[in-house]
C-alpha cells in the first residue's frame, strides 16, 4: 500500500497541484484553521493547506492533522512548487508526522520543501 523505495508521488510534477476534483478540505480541516494566521507570513485569513495532497494520500483522509494554515498567496506558492514550508512548520510536529506516515520520509520532504531529496 505504500510507495516503492526510490519512487515519489511528486517526482513527475511539473506544475502546481490542481485543486478540486473532490479533494477539497474537509469541514474538520476548515474548522482547524478558521480564524488562524498563515504559518509563513502571518497574514489572515488562512486556508487549510494539505501538506500531502488528498489525491495522493492512501486513504484520501479529511483528518485535520493533514493541513496547516496558509494564506491564499502562500498556498498558491506552495502548491506551485515555489515555497519551502519546512522552516515554517515549528509547532506542527503532528502534521509533519502524519505526512511522513502517509507517503514516507523522502516523499514528504520532497513535497514540504519542493526540492528533490534522495539519490542523485
PDB file of N, CA and C in Angstrom:
ATOM      1  N   UNK A   1       0.814  -1.194   0.000  1.00  0.00           N
ATOM      2  CA  UNK A   1       0.000   0.000   0.000  1.00  0.00           C
ATOM      3  C   UNK A   1       0.857   1.256   0.000  1.00  0.00           C
ATOM      4  N   UNK A   2       2.113   1.200   0.471  1.00  0.00           N
ATOM      5  CA  UNK A   2       2.972   2.378   0.486  1.00  0.00           C
ATOM      6  C   UNK A   2       3.673   2.574  -0.847  1.00  0.00           C
ATOM      7  N   UNK A   3       4.493   3.608  -0.885  1.00  0.00           N
ATOM      8  CA  UNK A   3       5.249   3.899  -2.103  1.00  0.00           C
ATOM      9  C   UNK A   3       6.460   3.002  -2.159  1.00  0.00           C
ATOM     10  N   UNK A   4       6.871   2.595  -3.362  1.00  0.00           N
ATOM     11  CA  UNK A   4       8.040   1.748  -3.519  1.00  0.00           C
ATOM     12  C   UNK A   4       9.295   2.568  -3.271  1.00  0.00           C
ATOM     13  N   UNK A   5      10.320   1.921  -2.742  1.00  0.00           N
ATOM     14  CA  UNK A   5      11.589   2.595  -2.480  1.00  0.00           C
ATOM     15  C   UNK A   5      12.107   3.227  -3.758  1.00  0.00           C
ATOM     16  N   UNK A   6      12.574   4.453  -3.639  1.00  0.00           N
ATOM     17  CA  UNK A   6      13.130   5.155  -4.782  1.00  0.00           C
ATOM     18  C   UNK A   6      12.101   5.868  -5.634  1.00  0.00           C
ATOM     19  N   UNK A   7      10.821   5.664  -5.341  1.00  0.00           N
ATOM     20  CA  UNK A   7       9.802   6.358  -6.114  1.00  0.00           C
ATOM     21  C   UNK A   7       9.208   7.484  -5.286  1.00  0.00           C
ATOM     22  N   UNK A   8       8.629   8.435  -5.955  1.00  0.00           N
ATOM     23  CA  UNK A   8       7.996   9.553  -5.271  1.00  0.00           C
ATOM     24  C   UNK A   8       6.732   9.933  -6.015  1.00  0.00           C
ATOM     25  N   UNK A   9       5.642  10.171  -5.299  1.00  0.00           N
ATOM     26  CA  UNK A   9       4.423  10.584  -5.984  1.00  0.00           C
ATOM     27  C   UNK A   9       4.526  11.992  -6.547  1.00  0.00           C
ATOM     28  N   UNK A  10       5.589  12.722  -6.218  1.00  0.00           N
ATOM     29  CA  UNK A  10       5.741  14.100  -6.651  1.00  0.00           C
ATOM     30  C   UNK A  10       6.809  14.273  -7.715  1.00  0.00           C
ATOM     31  N   UNK A  11       7.532  13.198  -8.070  1.00  0.00           N
ATOM     32  CA  UNK A  11       8.657  13.301  -8.990  1.00  0.00           C
ATOM     33  C   UNK A  11       8.277  13.884 -10.339  1.00  0.00           C
ATOM     34  N   UNK A  12       7.147  13.499 -10.875  1.00  0.00           N
ATOM     35  CA  UNK A  12       6.775  13.923 -12.219  1.00  0.00           C
ATOM     36  C   UNK A  12       6.032  15.257 -12.242  1.00  0.00           C
ATOM     37  N   UNK A  13       5.861  15.889 -11.095  1.00  0.00           N
ATOM     38  CA  UNK A  13       5.106  17.139 -11.049  1.00  0.00           C
ATOM     39  C   UNK A  13       5.868  18.254 -11.738  1.00  0.00           C
ATOM     40  N   UNK A  14       5.258  18.867 -12.727  1.00  0.00           N
ATOM     41  CA  UNK A  14       5.905  19.953 -13.450  1.00  0.00           C
ATOM     42  C   UNK A  14       5.193  21.272 -13.265  1.00  0.00           C
ATOM     43  N   UNK A  15       4.021  21.250 -12.649  1.00  0.00           N
ATOM     44  CA  UNK A  15       3.290  22.482 -12.404  1.00  0.00           C
ATOM     45  C   UNK A  15       2.559  22.334 -11.086  1.00  0.00           C
ATOM     46  N   UNK A  16       1.905  23.391 -10.654  1.00  0.00           N
ATOM     47  CA  UNK A  16       1.193  23.368  -9.395  1.00  0.00           C
ATOM     48  C   UNK A  16       0.142  22.282  -9.356  1.00  0.00           C
ATOM     49  N   UNK A  17      -0.131  21.804  -8.161  1.00  0.00           N
ATOM     50  CA  UNK A  17      -1.145  20.788  -7.999  1.00  0.00           C
ATOM     51  C   UNK A  17      -2.512  21.366  -8.300  1.00  0.00           C
ATOM     52  N   UNK A  18      -3.326  20.595  -8.927  1.00  0.00           N
ATOM     53  CA  UNK A  18      -4.666  21.046  -9.296  1.00  0.00           C
ATOM     54  C   UNK A  18      -5.581  20.973  -8.081  1.00  0.00           C
ATOM     55  N   UNK A  19      -6.408  21.969  -7.928  1.00  0.00           N
ATOM     56  CA  UNK A  19      -7.389  21.962  -6.857  1.00  0.00           C
ATOM     57  C   UNK A  19      -8.678  21.362  -7.370  1.00  0.00           C
ATOM     58  N   UNK A  20      -9.518  20.969  -6.451  1.00  0.00           N
ATOM     59  CA  UNK A  20     -10.820  20.432  -6.825  1.00  0.00           C
ATOM     60  C   UNK A  20     -10.747  18.944  -7.038  1.00  0.00           C
ATOM     61  N   UNK A  21     -11.576  18.440  -7.914  1.00  0.00           N
ATOM     62  CA  UNK A  21     -11.589  17.012  -8.200  1.00  0.00           C
ATOM     63  C   UNK A  21     -12.073  16.182  -7.019  1.00  0.00           C
ATOM     64  N   UNK A  22     -12.868  16.779  -6.122  1.00  0.00           N
ATOM     65  CA  UNK A  22     -13.376  16.025  -4.984  1.00  0.00           C
ATOM     66  C   UNK A  22     -12.410  15.937  -3.833  1.00  0.00           C
ATOM     67  N   UNK A  23     -11.321  16.657  -3.862  1.00  0.00           N
ATOM     68  CA  UNK A  23     -10.331  16.570  -2.797  1.00  0.00           C
ATOM     69  C   UNK A  23     -10.166  17.885  -2.052  1.00  0.00           C
ATOM     70  N   UNK A  24     -11.230  18.662  -1.955  1.00  0.00           N
ATOM     71  CA  UNK A  24     -11.190  19.910  -1.201  1.00  0.00           C
ATOM     72  C   UNK A  24     -11.055  19.587   0.284  1.00  0.00           C
ATOM     73  N   UNK A  25     -10.724  20.601   1.058  1.00  0.00           N
ATOM     74  CA  UNK A  25     -10.572  20.421   2.503  1.00  0.00           C
ATOM     75  C   UNK A  25     -11.891  19.972   3.125  1.00  0.00           C
ATOM     76  N   UNK A  26     -11.779  19.115   4.122  1.00  0.00           N
ATOM     77  CA  UNK A  26     -12.970  18.647   4.837  1.00  0.00           C
ATOM     78  C   UNK A  26     -13.444  19.742   5.800  1.00  0.00           C
ATOM     79  N   UNK A  27     -14.629  19.566   6.315  1.00  0.00           N
ATOM     80  CA  UNK A  27     -15.177  20.531   7.276  1.00  0.00           C
ATOM     81  C   UNK A  27     -14.279  20.622   8.511  1.00  0.00           C
ATOM     82  N   UNK A  28     -13.776  19.488   8.985  1.00  0.00           N
ATOM     83  CA  UNK A  28     -12.872  19.481  10.144  1.00  0.00           C
ATOM     84  C   UNK A  28     -11.574  20.229   9.858  1.00  0.00           C
ATOM     85  N   UNK A  29     -11.057  20.104   8.649  1.00  0.00           N
ATOM     86  CA  UNK A  29      -9.837  20.817   8.266  1.00  0.00           C
ATOM     87  C   UNK A  29     -10.097  22.319   8.196  1.00  0.00           C
ATOM     88  N   UNK A  30     -11.264  22.701   7.695  1.00  0.00           N
ATOM     89  CA  UNK A  30     -11.615  24.124   7.637  1.00  0.00           C
ATOM     90  C   UNK A  30     -11.771  24.706   9.045  1.00  0.00           C
ATOM     91  N   UNK A  31     -12.420  23.946   9.927  1.00  0.00           N
ATOM     92  CA  UNK A  31     -12.575  24.410  11.316  1.00  0.00           C
ATOM     93  C   UNK A  31     -11.225  24.579  12.001  1.00  0.00           C
ATOM     94  N   UNK A  32     -10.289  23.686  11.707  1.00  0.00           N
ATOM     95  CA  UNK A  32      -8.969  23.737  12.355  1.00  0.00           C
ATOM     96  C   UNK A  32      -8.271  25.074  12.109  1.00  0.00           C
ATOM     97  N   UNK A  33      -8.370  25.619  10.915  1.00  0.00           N
ATOM     98  CA  UNK A  33      -7.634  26.847  10.591  1.00  0.00           C
ATOM     99  C   UNK A  33      -8.497  28.105  10.647  1.00  0.00           C
ATOM    100  N   UNK A  34      -9.786  27.953  10.933  1.00  0.00           N
ATOM    101  CA  UNK A  34     -10.687  29.113  10.990  1.00  0.00           C
ATOM    102  C   UNK A  34     -10.166  30.130  12.007  1.00  0.00           C
ATOM    103  N   UNK A  35     -10.004  31.366  11.563  1.00  0.00           N
ATOM    104  CA  UNK A  35      -9.521  32.433  12.435  1.00  0.00           C
ATOM    105  C   UNK A  35      -8.030  32.408  12.692  1.00  0.00           C
ATOM    106  N   UNK A  36      -7.315  31.508  12.027  1.00  0.00           N
ATOM    107  CA  UNK A  36      -5.868  31.377  12.228  1.00  0.00           C
ATOM    108  C   UNK A  36      -5.112  32.260  11.239  1.00  0.00           C
ATOM    109  N   UNK A  37      -3.814  32.414  11.495  1.00  0.00           N
ATOM    110  CA  UNK A  37      -2.920  33.175  10.638  1.00  0.00           C
ATOM    111  C   UNK A  37      -2.077  32.219   9.804  1.00  0.00           C
ATOM    112  N   UNK A  38      -1.611  32.684   8.653  1.00  0.00           N
ATOM    113  CA  UNK A  38      -0.712  31.916   7.799  1.00  0.00           C
ATOM    114  C   UNK A  38       0.561  31.591   8.586  1.00  0.00           C
ATOM    115  N   UNK A  39       1.004  30.353   8.535  1.00  0.00           N
ATOM    116  CA  UNK A  39       2.208  29.955   9.278  1.00  0.00           C
ATOM    117  C   UNK A  39       3.492  30.448   8.605  1.00  0.00           C
ATOM    118  N   UNK A  40       3.389  31.053   7.423  1.00  0.00           N
ATOM    119  CA  UNK A  40       4.566  31.589   6.732  1.00  0.00           C
ATOM    120  C   UNK A  40       4.666  33.095   6.918  1.00  0.00           C
ATOM    121  N   UNK A  41       3.630  33.828   6.521  1.00  0.00           N
ATOM    122  CA  UNK A  41       3.704  35.295   6.521  1.00  0.00           C
ATOM    123  C   UNK A  41       2.853  35.947   7.612  1.00  0.00           C
ATOM    124  N   UNK A  42       2.123  35.157   8.366  1.00  0.00           N
ATOM    125  CA  UNK A  42       1.295  35.614   9.491  1.00  0.00           C
ATOM    126  C   UNK A  42       0.142  36.514   9.078  1.00  0.00           C
ATOM    127  N   UNK A  43      -0.279  36.438   7.820  1.00  0.00           N
ATOM    128  CA  UNK A  43      -1.447  37.184   7.363  1.00  0.00           C
ATOM    129  C   UNK A  43      -2.708  36.349   7.613  1.00  0.00           C
ATOM    130  N   UNK A  44      -3.816  37.038   7.726  1.00  0.00           N
ATOM    131  CA  UNK A  44      -5.110  36.368   7.868  1.00  0.00           C
ATOM    132  C   UNK A  44      -5.986  36.832   6.711  1.00  0.00           C
ATOM    133  N   UNK A  45      -6.923  36.067   6.307  1.00  0.00           N
ATOM    134  CA  UNK A  45      -7.310  34.754   6.820  1.00  0.00           C
ATOM    135  C   UNK A  45      -6.427  33.652   6.242  1.00  0.00           C
ATOM    136  N   UNK A  46      -6.489  32.507   6.893  1.00  0.00           N
ATOM    137  CA  UNK A  46      -5.728  31.350   6.436  1.00  0.00           C
ATOM    138  C   UNK A  46      -6.681  30.288   5.903  1.00  0.00           C
ATOM    139  N   UNK A  47      -6.222  29.583   4.902  1.00  0.00           N
ATOM    140  CA  UNK A  47      -6.944  28.445   4.331  1.00  0.00           C
ATOM    141  C   UNK A  47      -6.253  27.165   4.789  1.00  0.00           C
ATOM    142  N   UNK A  48      -6.970  26.038   4.811  1.00  0.00           N
ATOM    143  CA  UNK A  48      -6.318  24.765   5.119  1.00  0.00           C
ATOM    144  C   UNK A  48      -5.505  24.290   3.914  1.00  0.00           C
ATOM    145  N   UNK A  49      -4.215  24.160   4.097  1.00  0.00           N
ATOM    146  CA  UNK A  49      -3.319  23.690   3.032  1.00  0.00           C
ATOM    147  C   UNK A  49      -2.845  22.285   3.377  1.00  0.00           C
ATOM    148  N   UNK A  50      -3.075  21.356   2.474  1.00  0.00           N
ATOM    149  CA  UNK A  50      -2.666  19.970   2.699  1.00  0.00           C
ATOM    150  C   UNK A  50      -1.155  19.827   2.537  1.00  0.00           C
ATOM    151  N   UNK A  51      -0.486  19.317   3.566  1.00  0.00           N
ATOM    152  CA  UNK A  51       0.944  19.037   3.419  1.00  0.00           C
ATOM    153  C   UNK A  51       1.143  17.989   2.335  1.00  0.00           C
ATOM    154  N   UNK A  52       0.323  16.966   2.349  1.00  0.00           N
ATOM    155  CA  UNK A  52       0.323  15.932   1.321  1.00  0.00           C
ATOM    156  C   UNK A  52      -1.062  15.982   0.676  1.00  0.00           C
ATOM    157  N   UNK A  53      -1.152  16.202  -0.620  1.00  0.00           N
ATOM    158  CA  UNK A  53      -2.466  16.312  -1.257  1.00  0.00           C
ATOM    159  C   UNK A  53      -3.334  15.083  -0.993  1.00  0.00           C
ATOM    160  N   UNK A  54      -4.613  15.315  -0.776  1.00  0.00           N
ATOM    161  CA  UNK A  54      -5.533  14.207  -0.545  1.00  0.00           C
ATOM    162  C   UNK A  54      -5.541  13.249  -1.730  1.00  0.00           C
ATOM    163  N   UNK A  55      -5.282  13.746  -2.917  1.00  0.00           N
ATOM    164  CA  UNK A  55      -5.307  12.899  -4.111  1.00  0.00           C
ATOM    165  C   UNK A  55      -4.227  11.831  -4.092  1.00  0.00           C
ATOM    166  N   UNK A  56      -3.128  12.044  -3.358  1.00  0.00           N
ATOM    167  CA  UNK A  56      -2.075  11.021  -3.281  1.00  0.00           C
ATOM    168  C   UNK A  56      -2.016  10.362  -1.920  1.00  0.00           C
ATOM    169  N   UNK A  57      -2.850  10.789  -0.990  1.00  0.00           N
ATOM    170  CA  UNK A  57      -2.918  10.133   0.305  1.00  0.00           C
ATOM    171  C   UNK A  57      -3.596   8.786   0.117  1.00  0.00           C
ATOM    172  N   UNK A  58      -3.048   7.734   0.700  1.00  0.00           N
ATOM    173  CA  UNK A  58      -3.626   6.404   0.501  1.00  0.00           C
ATOM    174  C   UNK A  58      -5.106   6.322   0.860  1.00  0.00           C
ATOM    175  N   UNK A  59      -5.544   7.054   1.869  1.00  0.00           N
ATOM    176  CA  UNK A  59      -6.947   6.965   2.285  1.00  0.00           C
ATOM    177  C   UNK A  59      -7.734   8.240   1.970  1.00  0.00           C
ATOM    178  N   UNK A  60      -7.133   9.189   1.257  1.00  0.00           N
ATOM    179  CA  UNK A  60      -7.787  10.462   0.914  1.00  0.00           C
ATOM    180  C   UNK A  60      -8.399  11.116   2.150  1.00  0.00           C
ATOM    181  N   UNK A  61      -7.679  11.040   3.244  1.00  0.00           N
ATOM    182  CA  UNK A  61      -8.185  11.443   4.547  1.00  0.00           C
ATOM    183  C   UNK A  61      -8.525  12.921   4.652  1.00  0.00           C
ATOM    184  N   UNK A  62      -9.616  13.189   5.354  1.00  0.00           N
ATOM    185  CA  UNK A  62     -10.018  14.549   5.687  1.00  0.00           C
ATOM    186  C   UNK A  62      -9.598  14.905   7.106  1.00  0.00           C
ATOM    187  N   UNK A  63      -8.641  14.154   7.665  1.00  0.00           N
ATOM    188  CA  UNK A  63      -8.174  14.381   9.032  1.00  0.00           C
ATOM    189  C   UNK A  63      -7.588  15.783   9.166  1.00  0.00           C
ATOM    190  N   UNK A  64      -7.965  16.533  10.204  1.00  0.00           N
ATOM    191  CA  UNK A  64      -7.412  17.876  10.406  1.00  0.00           C
ATOM    192  C   UNK A  64      -5.887  17.910  10.541  1.00  0.00           C
ATOM    193  N   UNK A  65      -5.269  16.802  10.930  1.00  0.00           N
ATOM    194  CA  UNK A  65      -3.808  16.777  11.040  1.00  0.00           C
ATOM    195  C   UNK A  65      -3.118  16.778   9.683  1.00  0.00           C
ATOM    196  N   UNK A  66      -3.861  16.701   8.610  1.00  0.00           N
ATOM    197  CA  UNK A  66      -3.282  16.718   7.262  1.00  0.00           C
ATOM    198  C   UNK A  66      -3.056  18.132   6.744  1.00  0.00           C
ATOM    199  N   UNK A  67      -3.506  19.175   7.475  1.00  0.00           N
ATOM    200  CA  UNK A  67      -3.414  20.542   6.965  1.00  0.00           C
ATOM    201  C   UNK A  67      -2.696  21.482   7.919  1.00  0.00           C
ATOM    202  N   UNK A  68      -2.166  22.555   7.332  1.00  0.00           N
ATOM    203  CA  UNK A  68      -1.598  23.675   8.084  1.00  0.00           C
ATOM    204  C   UNK A  68      -2.230  24.951   7.532  1.00  0.00           C
ATOM    205  N   UNK A  69      -2.239  26.032   8.312  1.00  0.00           N
ATOM    206  CA  UNK A  69      -2.852  27.270   7.831  1.00  0.00           C
ATOM    207  C   UNK A  69      -1.924  28.060   6.910  1.00  0.00           C
ATOM    208  N   UNK A  70      -2.400  28.378   5.701  1.00  0.00           N
ATOM    209  CA  UNK A  70      -1.663  29.220   4.760  1.00  0.00           C
ATOM    210  C   UNK A  70      -2.624  30.241   4.164  1.00  0.00           C
ATOM    211  N   UNK A  71      -2.141  31.466   3.963  1.00  0.00           N
ATOM    212  CA  UNK A  71      -2.949  32.454   3.251  1.00  0.00           C
ATOM    213  C   UNK A  71      -3.001  32.027   1.778  1.00  0.00           C
ATOM    214  N   UNK A  72      -3.863  32.637   1.008  1.00  0.00           N
ATOM    215  CA  UNK A  72      -4.015  32.235  -0.401  1.00  0.00           C
ATOM    216  C   UNK A  72      -2.714  32.409  -1.183  1.00  0.00           C
ATOM    217  N   UNK A  73      -2.001  33.505  -0.942  1.00  0.00           N
ATOM    218  CA  UNK A  73      -0.753  33.761  -1.681  1.00  0.00           C
ATOM    219  C   UNK A  73       0.278  32.672  -1.377  1.00  0.00           C
ATOM    220  N   UNK A  74       0.469  32.353  -0.104  1.00  0.00           N
ATOM    221  CA  UNK A  74       1.437  31.318   0.267  1.00  0.00           C
ATOM    222  C   UNK A  74       0.957  29.935  -0.163  1.00  0.00           C
ATOM    223  N   UNK A  75      -0.347  29.699  -0.087  1.00  0.00           N
ATOM    224  CA  UNK A  75      -0.908  28.420  -0.521  1.00  0.00           C
ATOM    225  C   UNK A  75      -0.652  28.210  -2.012  1.00  0.00           C
ATOM    226  N   UNK A  76      -0.889  29.244  -2.811  1.00  0.00           N
ATOM    227  CA  UNK A  76      -0.619  29.146  -4.250  1.00  0.00           C
ATOM    228  C   UNK A  76       0.861  28.909  -4.520  1.00  0.00           C
ATOM    229  N   UNK A  77       1.732  29.592  -3.776  1.00  0.00           N
ATOM    230  CA  UNK A  77       3.174  29.405  -3.950  1.00  0.00           C
ATOM    231  C   UNK A  77       3.581  27.980  -3.570  1.00  0.00           C
ATOM    232  N   UNK A  78       3.021  27.451  -2.485  1.00  0.00           N
ATOM    233  CA  UNK A  78       3.335  26.084  -2.046  1.00  0.00           C
ATOM    234  C   UNK A  78       2.865  25.068  -3.082  1.00  0.00           C
ATOM    235  N   UNK A  79       1.612  25.182  -3.493  1.00  0.00           N
ATOM    236  CA  UNK A  79       1.082  24.243  -4.483  1.00  0.00           C
ATOM    237  C   UNK A  79       1.783  24.382  -5.826  1.00  0.00           C
ATOM    238  N   UNK A  80       2.308  25.563  -6.130  1.00  0.00           N
ATOM    239  CA  UNK A  80       3.021  25.789  -7.380  1.00  0.00           C
ATOM    240  C   UNK A  80       4.487  25.399  -7.334  1.00  0.00           C
ATOM    241  N   UNK A  81       4.945  24.883  -6.188  1.00  0.00           N
ATOM    242  CA  UNK A  81       6.333  24.432  -6.080  1.00  0.00           C
ATOM    243  C   UNK A  81       7.330  25.542  -5.830  1.00  0.00           C
ATOM    244  N   UNK A  82       6.872  26.712  -5.378  1.00  0.00           N
ATOM    245  CA  UNK A  82       7.758  27.862  -5.176  1.00  0.00           C
ATOM    246  C   UNK A  82       8.008  28.191  -3.713  1.00  0.00           C
ATOM    247  N   UNK A  83       7.508  27.376  -2.790  1.00  0.00           N
ATOM    248  CA  UNK A  83       7.635  27.672  -1.370  1.00  0.00           C
ATOM    249  C   UNK A  83       8.080  26.443  -0.604  1.00  0.00           C
ATOM    250  N   UNK A  84       9.147  26.593   0.167  1.00  0.00           N
ATOM    251  CA  UNK A  84       9.633  25.562   1.072  1.00  0.00           C
ATOM    252  C   UNK A  84       8.973  25.814   2.426  1.00  0.00           C
ATOM    253  N   UNK A  85       8.085  24.928   2.847  1.00  0.00           N
ATOM    254  CA  UNK A  85       7.386  25.102   4.115  1.00  0.00           C
ATOM    255  C   UNK A  85       8.185  24.646   5.326  1.00  0.00           C
ATOM    256  N   UNK A  86       9.212  23.846   5.136  1.00  0.00           N
ATOM    257  CA  UNK A  86       9.914  23.242   6.264  1.00  0.00           C
ATOM    258  C   UNK A  86      10.342  24.249   7.338  1.00  0.00           C
ATOM    259  N   UNK A  87      10.913  25.410   6.975  1.00  0.00           N
ATOM    260  CA  UNK A  87      11.318  26.354   8.022  1.00  0.00           C
ATOM    261  C   UNK A  87      10.148  26.967   8.801  1.00  0.00           C
ATOM    262  N   UNK A  88       8.938  26.772   8.331  1.00  0.00           N
ATOM    263  CA  UNK A  88       7.765  27.406   8.938  1.00  0.00           C
ATOM    264  C   UNK A  88       6.883  26.423   9.699  1.00  0.00           C
ATOM    265  N   UNK A  89       7.327  25.195   9.849  1.00  0.00           N
ATOM    266  CA  UNK A  89       6.475  24.170  10.445  1.00  0.00           C
ATOM    267  C   UNK A  89       6.787  23.881  11.908  1.00  0.00           C
ATOM    268  N   UNK A  90       7.522  24.753  12.566  1.00  0.00           N
ATOM    269  CA  UNK A  90       7.757  24.592  14.001  1.00  0.00           C
ATOM    270  C   UNK A  90       6.405  24.656  14.705  1.00  0.00           C
ATOM    271  N   UNK A  91       6.120  23.696  15.518  1.00  0.00           N
ATOM    272  CA  UNK A  91       4.830  23.631  16.190  1.00  0.00           C
ATOM    273  C   UNK A  91       3.820  22.768  15.465  1.00  0.00           C
ATOM    274  N   UNK A  92       4.165  22.284  14.288  1.00  0.00           N
ATOM    275  CA  UNK A  92       3.276  21.417  13.512  1.00  0.00           C
ATOM    276  C   UNK A  92       3.863  20.005  13.421  1.00  0.00           C
ATOM    277  N   UNK A  93       4.448  19.542  14.512  1.00  0.00           N
ATOM    278  CA  UNK A  93       5.103  18.236  14.539  1.00  0.00           C
ATOM    279  C   UNK A  93       4.150  17.092  14.200  1.00  0.00           C
ATOM    280  N   UNK A  94       2.947  17.141  14.739  1.00  0.00           N
ATOM    281  CA  UNK A  94       1.987  16.067  14.476  1.00  0.00           C
ATOM    282  C   UNK A  94       1.573  16.056  13.009  1.00  0.00           C
ATOM    283  N   UNK A  95       1.447  17.234  12.401  1.00  0.00           N
ATOM    284  CA  UNK A  95       1.092  17.313  10.987  1.00  0.00           C
ATOM    285  C   UNK A  95       2.213  16.759  10.108  1.00  0.00           C
ATOM    286  N   UNK A  96       3.453  17.086  10.453  1.00  0.00           N
ATOM    287  CA  UNK A  96       4.598  16.559   9.697  1.00  0.00           C
ATOM    288  C   UNK A  96       4.685  15.044   9.865  1.00  0.00           C
ATOM    289  N   UNK A  97       4.471  14.554  11.082  1.00  0.00           N
ATOM    290  CA  UNK A  97       4.494  13.112  11.326  1.00  0.00           C
ATOM    291  C   UNK A  97       3.413  12.408  10.505  1.00  0.00           C
ATOM    292  N   UNK A  98       2.240  13.014  10.405  1.00  0.00           N
ATOM    293  CA  UNK A  98       1.158  12.439   9.606  1.00  0.00           C
ATOM    294  C   UNK A  98       1.554  12.393   8.127  1.00  0.00           C
ATOM    295  N   UNK A  99       2.225  13.438   7.632  1.00  0.00           N
ATOM    296  CA  UNK A  99       2.670  13.461   6.237  1.00  0.00           C
ATOM    297  C   UNK A  99       3.682  12.344   5.983  1.00  0.00           C
ATOM    298  N   UNK A 100       4.625  12.168   6.898  1.00  0.00           N
ATOM    299  CA  UNK A 100       5.634  11.120   6.755  1.00  0.00           C
ATOM    300  C   UNK A 100       4.975   9.744   6.806  1.00  0.00           C
ATOM    301  N   UNK A 101       4.029   9.569   7.710  1.00  0.00           N
ATOM    302  CA  UNK A 101       3.319   8.294   7.807  1.00  0.00           C
ATOM    303  C   UNK A 101       2.557   7.999   6.517  1.00  0.00           C
ATOM    304  N   UNK A 102       2.043   9.025   5.909  1.00  0.00           N
ATOM    305  CA  UNK A 102       1.219   8.873   4.705  1.00  0.00           C
ATOM    306  C   UNK A 102       2.027   8.432   3.485  1.00  0.00           C
ATOM    307  N   UNK A 103       3.159   9.098   3.214  1.00  0.00           N
ATOM    308  CA  UNK A 103       3.896   8.814   1.977  1.00  0.00           C
ATOM    309  C   UNK A 103       5.363   8.459   2.187  1.00  0.00           C
ATOM    310  N   UNK A 104       5.842   8.447   3.420  1.00  0.00           N
ATOM    311  CA  UNK A 104       7.238   8.151   3.686  1.00  0.00           C
ATOM    312  C   UNK A 104       8.064   9.418   3.807  1.00  0.00           C
ATOM    313  N   UNK A 105       9.247   9.286   4.400  1.00  0.00           N
ATOM    314  CA  UNK A 105      10.085  10.440   4.713  1.00  0.00           C
ATOM    315  C   UNK A 105      10.539  11.211   3.480  1.00  0.00           C
ATOM    316  N   UNK A 106      11.080  10.527   2.489  1.00  0.00           N
ATOM    317  CA  UNK A 106      11.627  11.222   1.321  1.00  0.00           C
ATOM    318  C   UNK A 106      10.518  11.927   0.539  1.00  0.00           C
ATOM    319  N   UNK A 107       9.413  11.255   0.297  1.00  0.00           N
ATOM    320  CA  UNK A 107       8.310  11.877  -0.440  1.00  0.00           C
ATOM    321  C   UNK A 107       7.736  13.055   0.330  1.00  0.00           C
ATOM    322  N   UNK A 108       7.620  12.933   1.653  1.00  0.00           N
ATOM    323  CA  UNK A 108       7.122  14.053   2.463  1.00  0.00           C
ATOM    324  C   UNK A 108       8.083  15.233   2.397  1.00  0.00           C
ATOM    325  N   UNK A 109       9.393  14.974   2.495  1.00  0.00           N
ATOM    326  CA  UNK A 109      10.380  16.054   2.376  1.00  0.00           C
ATOM    327  C   UNK A 109      10.316  16.719   1.016  1.00  0.00           C
ATOM    328  N   UNK A 110      10.156  15.924  -0.035  1.00  0.00           N
ATOM    329  CA  UNK A 110      10.075  16.494  -1.379  1.00  0.00           C
ATOM    330  C   UNK A 110       8.870  17.407  -1.522  1.00  0.00           C
ATOM    331  N   UNK A 111       7.743  17.010  -0.970  1.00  0.00           N
ATOM    332  CA  UNK A 111       6.542  17.835  -1.066  1.00  0.00           C
ATOM    333  C   UNK A 111       6.661  19.077  -0.180  1.00  0.00           C
ATOM    334  N   UNK A 112       7.070  18.901   1.057  1.00  0.00           N
ATOM    335  CA  UNK A 112       7.119  20.013   2.009  1.00  0.00           C
ATOM    336  C   UNK A 112       8.152  21.052   1.604  1.00  0.00           C
ATOM    337  N   UNK A 113       9.291  20.610   1.069  1.00  0.00           N
ATOM    338  CA  UNK A 113      10.358  21.552   0.699  1.00  0.00           C
ATOM    339  C   UNK A 113      10.325  21.948  -0.770  1.00  0.00           C
ATOM    340  N   UNK A 114       9.548  21.223  -1.575  1.00  0.00           N
ATOM    341  CA  UNK A 114       9.512  21.450  -3.025  1.00  0.00           C
ATOM    342  C   UNK A 114      10.904  21.320  -3.646  1.00  0.00           C
ATOM    343  N   UNK A 115      11.672  20.356  -3.132  1.00  0.00           N
ATOM    344  CA  UNK A 115      13.002  20.038  -3.665  1.00  0.00           C
ATOM    345  C   UNK A 115      13.131  18.530  -3.798  1.00  0.00           C
ATOM    346  N   UNK A 116      14.031  18.102  -4.630  1.00  0.00           N
ATOM    347  CA  UNK A 116      14.330  16.684  -4.810  1.00  0.00           C
ATOM    348  C   UNK A 116      15.248  16.230  -3.686  1.00  0.00           C
ATOM    349  N   UNK A 117      14.874  15.143  -3.025  1.00  0.00           N
ATOM    350  CA  UNK A 117      15.703  14.532  -1.989  1.00  0.00           C
ATOM    351  C   UNK A 117      16.005  13.110  -2.436  1.00  0.00           C
ATOM    352  N   UNK A 118      16.951  12.488  -1.789  1.00  0.00           N
ATOM    353  CA  UNK A 118      17.272  11.113  -2.118  1.00  0.00           C
ATOM    354  C   UNK A 118      18.440  11.040  -3.092  1.00  0.00           C
ATOM    355  N   UNK A 119      18.671   9.866  -3.649  1.00  0.00           N
ATOM    356  CA  UNK A 119      19.823   9.656  -4.535  1.00  0.00           C
ATOM    357  C   UNK A 119      19.767  10.569  -5.748  1.00  0.00           C
ATOM    358  N   UNK A 120      20.956  11.030  -6.136  1.00  0.00           N
ATOM    359  CA  UNK A 120      21.060  11.903  -7.304  1.00  0.00           C
ATOM    360  C   UNK A 120      21.358  11.132  -8.545  1.00  0.00           C
TER     361      UNK A 120
END
